[in-house]
N, C-alpha and C. Protein backbone atom coordinates (compact mmCIF):
# COMPACT_ATOMS: atom_id res chain seq x y z
N UNK A 1 291.55 -70.66 65.57
CA UNK A 1 290.49 -69.97 66.30
C UNK A 1 289.16 -70.16 65.56
N UNK A 2 288.12 -70.45 66.30
CA UNK A 2 286.78 -70.54 65.75
C UNK A 2 286.37 -69.13 65.29
N UNK A 3 286.04 -69.00 64.03
CA UNK A 3 285.77 -67.68 63.46
C UNK A 3 284.58 -67.02 64.16
N UNK A 4 283.49 -67.75 64.34
CA UNK A 4 282.32 -67.14 64.96
C UNK A 4 282.62 -66.68 66.38
N UNK A 5 283.30 -67.50 67.14
CA UNK A 5 283.66 -67.11 68.50
C UNK A 5 284.53 -65.86 68.50
N UNK A 6 285.50 -65.82 67.58
CA UNK A 6 286.38 -64.66 67.47
C UNK A 6 285.62 -63.39 67.11
N UNK A 7 284.67 -63.50 66.18
CA UNK A 7 283.88 -62.34 65.77
C UNK A 7 283.01 -61.87 66.94
N UNK A 8 282.44 -62.80 67.68
CA UNK A 8 281.64 -62.44 68.86
C UNK A 8 282.50 -61.68 69.88
N UNK A 9 283.69 -62.20 70.14
CA UNK A 9 284.59 -61.54 71.09
C UNK A 9 284.93 -60.12 70.63
N UNK A 10 285.18 -59.96 69.35
CA UNK A 10 285.50 -58.64 68.80
C UNK A 10 284.31 -57.71 68.93
N UNK A 11 283.11 -58.19 68.60
CA UNK A 11 281.92 -57.36 68.76
C UNK A 11 281.75 -56.92 70.21
N UNK A 12 281.95 -57.86 71.12
CA UNK A 12 281.83 -57.54 72.54
C UNK A 12 282.82 -56.49 72.98
N UNK A 13 284.06 -56.65 72.54
CA UNK A 13 285.11 -55.70 72.93
C UNK A 13 284.92 -54.34 72.27
N UNK A 14 284.70 -54.33 70.97
CA UNK A 14 284.60 -53.07 70.24
C UNK A 14 283.37 -52.26 70.65
N UNK A 15 282.27 -52.95 70.94
CA UNK A 15 281.02 -52.27 71.23
C UNK A 15 280.68 -52.25 72.71
N UNK A 16 281.57 -52.85 73.51
CA UNK A 16 281.38 -52.94 74.96
C UNK A 16 280.04 -53.57 75.30
N UNK A 17 279.74 -54.70 74.63
CA UNK A 17 278.50 -55.42 74.88
C UNK A 17 278.69 -56.41 76.01
N UNK A 18 277.72 -56.53 76.90
CA UNK A 18 277.84 -57.51 77.97
C UNK A 18 277.72 -58.93 77.41
N UNK A 19 278.33 -59.91 78.08
CA UNK A 19 278.32 -61.30 77.60
C UNK A 19 276.91 -61.83 77.33
N UNK A 20 275.94 -61.43 78.13
CA UNK A 20 274.57 -61.92 77.92
C UNK A 20 274.02 -61.48 76.57
N UNK A 21 274.27 -60.24 76.19
CA UNK A 21 273.81 -59.77 74.87
C UNK A 21 274.50 -60.51 73.75
N UNK A 22 275.79 -60.78 73.91
CA UNK A 22 276.51 -61.54 72.88
C UNK A 22 275.97 -62.95 72.76
N UNK A 23 275.66 -63.56 73.90
CA UNK A 23 275.15 -64.94 73.90
C UNK A 23 273.80 -65.04 73.21
N UNK A 24 273.04 -63.96 73.21
CA UNK A 24 271.71 -63.95 72.59
C UNK A 24 271.77 -63.85 71.07
N UNK A 25 272.93 -63.48 70.53
CA UNK A 25 273.07 -63.32 69.08
C UNK A 25 273.18 -64.66 68.39
N UNK A 26 272.31 -64.89 67.41
CA UNK A 26 272.42 -66.05 66.54
C UNK A 26 272.94 -65.61 65.19
N UNK A 27 273.19 -66.56 64.31
CA UNK A 27 273.71 -66.21 62.98
C UNK A 27 272.77 -65.28 62.22
N UNK A 28 271.47 -65.37 62.48
CA UNK A 28 270.49 -64.55 61.78
C UNK A 28 270.18 -63.25 62.50
N UNK A 29 270.84 -63.01 63.63
CA UNK A 29 270.59 -61.78 64.38
C UNK A 29 271.09 -60.57 63.60
N UNK A 30 270.21 -59.57 63.47
CA UNK A 30 270.59 -58.34 62.78
C UNK A 30 271.62 -57.58 63.61
N UNK A 31 272.57 -56.98 62.92
CA UNK A 31 273.59 -56.17 63.57
C UNK A 31 273.37 -54.70 63.25
N UNK A 32 273.67 -54.32 62.01
CA UNK A 32 273.58 -52.92 61.60
C UNK A 32 272.13 -52.45 61.68
N UNK A 33 271.90 -51.42 62.47
CA UNK A 33 270.55 -50.90 62.64
C UNK A 33 269.81 -51.52 63.80
N UNK A 34 270.29 -52.65 64.30
CA UNK A 34 269.63 -53.34 65.40
C UNK A 34 270.39 -53.19 66.72
N UNK A 35 271.69 -53.00 66.63
CA UNK A 35 272.52 -52.82 67.82
C UNK A 35 272.94 -51.35 67.84
N UNK A 36 272.36 -50.57 68.77
CA UNK A 36 272.65 -49.13 68.78
C UNK A 36 274.14 -48.80 68.86
N UNK A 37 274.90 -49.64 69.52
CA UNK A 37 276.34 -49.38 69.67
C UNK A 37 277.11 -49.52 68.34
N UNK A 38 276.48 -50.19 67.36
CA UNK A 38 277.15 -50.41 66.07
C UNK A 38 276.85 -49.23 65.14
N UNK A 39 277.35 -48.07 65.52
CA UNK A 39 277.24 -46.88 64.69
C UNK A 39 278.48 -46.81 63.80
N UNK A 40 278.69 -45.70 63.14
CA UNK A 40 279.84 -45.61 62.22
C UNK A 40 281.16 -45.80 62.94
N UNK A 41 281.29 -45.25 64.14
CA UNK A 41 282.53 -45.44 64.91
C UNK A 41 282.65 -46.89 65.38
N UNK A 42 281.53 -47.50 65.72
CA UNK A 42 281.55 -48.91 66.13
C UNK A 42 281.99 -49.81 64.99
N UNK A 43 281.52 -49.52 63.79
CA UNK A 43 281.93 -50.30 62.61
C UNK A 43 283.43 -50.18 62.41
N UNK A 44 283.96 -48.96 62.50
CA UNK A 44 285.40 -48.77 62.33
C UNK A 44 286.20 -49.53 63.39
N UNK A 45 285.71 -49.51 64.60
CA UNK A 45 286.37 -50.23 65.69
C UNK A 45 286.37 -51.73 65.44
N UNK A 46 285.22 -52.26 64.99
CA UNK A 46 285.13 -53.69 64.68
C UNK A 46 286.08 -54.04 63.54
N UNK A 47 286.11 -53.23 62.48
CA UNK A 47 287.00 -53.50 61.35
C UNK A 47 288.46 -53.51 61.82
N UNK A 48 288.83 -52.53 62.62
CA UNK A 48 290.21 -52.47 63.13
C UNK A 48 290.56 -53.73 63.92
N UNK A 49 289.68 -54.16 64.80
CA UNK A 49 289.97 -55.36 65.59
C UNK A 49 289.98 -56.62 64.74
N UNK A 50 289.11 -56.70 63.74
CA UNK A 50 289.12 -57.86 62.84
C UNK A 50 290.47 -57.95 62.13
N UNK A 51 290.94 -56.82 61.62
CA UNK A 51 292.24 -56.81 60.94
C UNK A 51 293.36 -57.21 61.88
N UNK A 52 293.34 -56.65 63.07
CA UNK A 52 294.39 -56.91 64.05
C UNK A 52 294.41 -58.37 64.51
N UNK A 53 293.26 -58.89 64.86
CA UNK A 53 293.19 -60.25 65.42
C UNK A 53 293.35 -61.35 64.38
N UNK A 54 292.75 -61.13 63.20
CA UNK A 54 292.78 -62.18 62.19
C UNK A 54 293.92 -62.02 61.19
N UNK A 55 294.61 -60.87 61.23
CA UNK A 55 295.80 -60.70 60.41
C UNK A 55 295.54 -60.46 58.94
N UNK A 56 294.47 -59.78 58.59
CA UNK A 56 294.24 -59.41 57.20
C UNK A 56 293.89 -57.93 57.11
N UNK A 57 293.86 -57.43 55.89
CA UNK A 57 293.51 -56.03 55.63
C UNK A 57 292.16 -56.01 54.91
N UNK A 58 291.30 -55.12 55.34
CA UNK A 58 289.99 -54.97 54.70
C UNK A 58 290.01 -53.67 53.91
N UNK A 59 289.85 -53.78 52.60
CA UNK A 59 289.78 -52.60 51.74
C UNK A 59 288.39 -51.98 51.83
N UNK A 60 288.32 -50.68 51.66
CA UNK A 60 287.04 -49.97 51.73
C UNK A 60 286.01 -50.57 50.78
N UNK A 61 286.45 -50.99 49.60
CA UNK A 61 285.54 -51.53 48.59
C UNK A 61 284.91 -52.85 49.01
N UNK A 62 285.51 -53.53 49.98
CA UNK A 62 285.00 -54.83 50.42
C UNK A 62 283.84 -54.71 51.40
N UNK A 63 283.65 -53.54 51.96
CA UNK A 63 282.66 -53.36 53.01
C UNK A 63 281.44 -52.61 52.48
N UNK A 64 280.28 -53.18 52.76
CA UNK A 64 279.02 -52.46 52.52
C UNK A 64 278.03 -52.90 53.60
N UNK A 65 276.82 -52.44 53.51
CA UNK A 65 275.83 -52.74 54.54
C UNK A 65 275.56 -54.21 54.72
N UNK A 66 275.71 -54.99 53.64
CA UNK A 66 275.41 -56.42 53.76
C UNK A 66 276.45 -57.16 54.60
N UNK A 67 277.67 -56.64 54.65
CA UNK A 67 278.72 -57.28 55.45
C UNK A 67 278.32 -57.32 56.92
N UNK A 68 277.72 -56.25 57.40
CA UNK A 68 277.32 -56.13 58.79
C UNK A 68 275.82 -56.34 59.00
N UNK A 69 275.15 -56.96 58.04
CA UNK A 69 273.70 -57.15 58.15
C UNK A 69 273.34 -58.06 59.33
N UNK A 70 274.01 -59.19 59.43
CA UNK A 70 273.74 -60.14 60.52
C UNK A 70 275.07 -60.67 61.05
N UNK A 71 275.00 -61.35 62.17
CA UNK A 71 276.21 -62.00 62.68
C UNK A 71 276.74 -62.99 61.65
N UNK A 72 275.85 -63.72 61.02
CA UNK A 72 276.25 -64.71 60.01
C UNK A 72 276.96 -64.11 58.82
N UNK A 73 276.47 -62.97 58.33
CA UNK A 73 277.13 -62.36 57.17
C UNK A 73 278.52 -61.84 57.54
N UNK A 74 278.66 -61.35 58.76
CA UNK A 74 279.97 -60.88 59.21
C UNK A 74 280.94 -62.06 59.39
N UNK A 75 280.45 -63.14 60.00
CA UNK A 75 281.28 -64.34 60.18
C UNK A 75 281.69 -64.90 58.82
N UNK A 76 280.75 -64.96 57.88
CA UNK A 76 281.05 -65.48 56.54
C UNK A 76 282.08 -64.60 55.83
N UNK A 77 281.98 -63.29 56.00
CA UNK A 77 282.96 -62.38 55.40
C UNK A 77 284.36 -62.66 55.95
N UNK A 78 284.46 -62.80 57.27
CA UNK A 78 285.76 -63.08 57.90
C UNK A 78 286.30 -64.42 57.43
N UNK A 79 285.44 -65.43 57.38
CA UNK A 79 285.88 -66.76 56.92
C UNK A 79 286.39 -66.69 55.49
N UNK A 80 285.71 -65.92 54.65
CA UNK A 80 286.15 -65.75 53.27
C UNK A 80 287.52 -65.08 53.21
N UNK A 81 287.70 -64.03 54.03
CA UNK A 81 288.99 -63.34 54.07
C UNK A 81 290.11 -64.27 54.52
N UNK A 82 289.77 -65.22 55.37
CA UNK A 82 290.76 -66.16 55.87
C UNK A 82 291.01 -67.31 54.89
N UNK A 83 290.28 -67.28 53.76
CA UNK A 83 290.47 -68.30 52.74
C UNK A 83 289.60 -69.51 52.92
N UNK A 84 288.59 -69.41 53.76
CA UNK A 84 287.72 -70.54 54.03
C UNK A 84 286.45 -70.40 53.37
């Protein structure tokens, strides 16, 4: 699975974002603080779906504001967790 595509799908599902809004996101697009739906519950939902879909566990210590800063930082985090 293409990591970026998978992360976009998860963001769309967890935050109930319409496809047009997802399509507008580039790697440098801000997430945390820029997408109102990405509140604390939204972050938890995204983390849960990332773990479920990609088959890894995210420890609390691994997550901070920079992980969700942009689409690119989130994609890079997932790629790293997958060993890439």
